[in-house]
Protein backbone atom coordinates (compact mmCIF):
# COMPACT_ATOMS: atom_id res chain seq x y z
CA MET A 1 -0.14 0.10 -0.09
CA SER A 2 1.20 3.50 -0.90
CA GLU A 3 1.86 5.86 1.99
CA MET A 4 0.65 9.01 -0.02
CA LYS A 5 -2.78 10.59 0.81
CA ARG A 6 -3.07 12.35 -2.40
CA CYS A 7 -2.38 11.39 -6.04
CA PRO A 8 0.08 14.12 -7.40
CA ILE A 9 -1.45 13.59 -10.86
CA CYS A 10 -5.26 13.65 -10.32
CA LYS A 11 -5.19 15.42 -7.00
CA ARG A 12 -7.75 13.04 -5.45
CA SER A 13 -7.42 11.57 -1.84
CA LYS A 14 -6.75 7.83 -1.77
CA THR A 15 -10.10 6.95 -0.49
CA LYS A 16 -11.91 9.16 -2.95
CA ALA A 17 -10.13 7.91 -5.80
CA ILE A 18 -10.75 4.23 -4.79
CA GLN A 19 -14.39 5.05 -4.13
CA GLU A 20 -15.00 6.76 -7.56
CA GLN A 21 -13.29 4.02 -9.57
CA THR A 22 -14.99 1.10 -7.79
CA THR A 23 -18.37 2.69 -8.57
CA GLN A 24 -17.43 3.01 -12.06
CA ARG A 25 -15.78 -0.50 -12.11
CA VAL A 26 -12.92 0.74 -14.03
CA ALA A 27 -9.45 1.16 -13.10
CA CYS A 28 -7.93 4.70 -13.04
CA GLY A 29 -7.28 6.03 -16.65
CA VAL A 30 -4.40 8.27 -15.67
CA ASN A 31 -0.89 6.94 -16.38
CA GLY A 32 1.22 6.64 -13.41
CA CYS A 33 -1.69 6.85 -11.03
CA VAL A 34 -0.13 6.31 -7.28
CA PHE A 35 -3.25 4.27 -6.10
CA SER A 36 -3.56 2.15 -9.32
CA LYS A 37 -2.76 -1.27 -7.30
CA GLU A 38 -5.18 -0.37 -4.42
CA ILE A 39 -7.97 0.61 -7.02
CA VAL A 40 -7.51 -2.67 -8.94
CA ASN A 41 -7.68 -4.69 -5.68
CA ALA A 42 -10.76 -2.94 -4.40
CA ILE A 43 -12.65 -3.45 -7.82
CA GLU A 44 -11.77 -7.26 -7.88
CA SER A 45 -12.80 -7.79 -4.19
CA LYS A 46 -16.24 -5.85 -4.85
CA THR A 47 -16.85 -8.02 -8.02
CA LYS A 48 -16.43 -11.24 -6.04
CA ILE A 49 -19.44 -13.36 -5.30
CA LYS A 50 -19.92 -14.49 -1.79
CA VAL A 51 -21.31 -18.00 -1.48
CA VAL A 52 -22.98 -18.77 1.91
CA LYS A 53 -23.83 -22.47 2.64
CA GLN A 54 -27.38 -22.63 4.12
CA ASN A 55 -28.52 -25.63 6.11
CA LYS A 56 -31.70 -27.32 4.58
CA PRO A 57 -33.95 -28.81 6.99
CA LYS A 58 -33.98 -32.54 6.85
CA ILE A 59 -37.25 -34.24 5.72
CA LYS A 60 -38.36 -37.78 7.13
CA ILE A 61 -41.00 -39.59 5.40
CA GLU A 62 -42.68 -42.31 7.26
CA LYS A 63 -45.35 -44.83 6.30
CA ALA A 64 -48.61 -43.76 8.16
CA GLU A 65 -51.60 -45.88 8.83
CA LYS A 66 -54.73 -45.30 6.86
CA LEU A 67 -57.03 -42.94 8.45
CA LYS A 68 -60.73 -43.88 9.16
CA ILE A 69 -63.36 -41.27 9.19
CA LYS A 70 -66.82 -42.05 10.65
CA ILE A 71 -69.57 -39.85 9.87
CA VAL A 72 -72.37 -39.82 12.49
CA LYS A 73 -75.77 -38.62 11.93
CA ASN A 74 -77.91 -37.62 14.92
């Protein structure tokens, strides 16, 4: 990581430069940008998909007895 707080070419602060370029999803177009490595790393990490494993409930099927329904008329 570079120790500079502002780029001498585009005059942006490090956080602002990274934020602007990641929202555009494009690396800095200025030749010799001081923060180019940080910008590229931020773009790559933002575009990665996070996969989260979810536990599915277990379903157990048992054979049940037949139900008998009796209709009683009064």
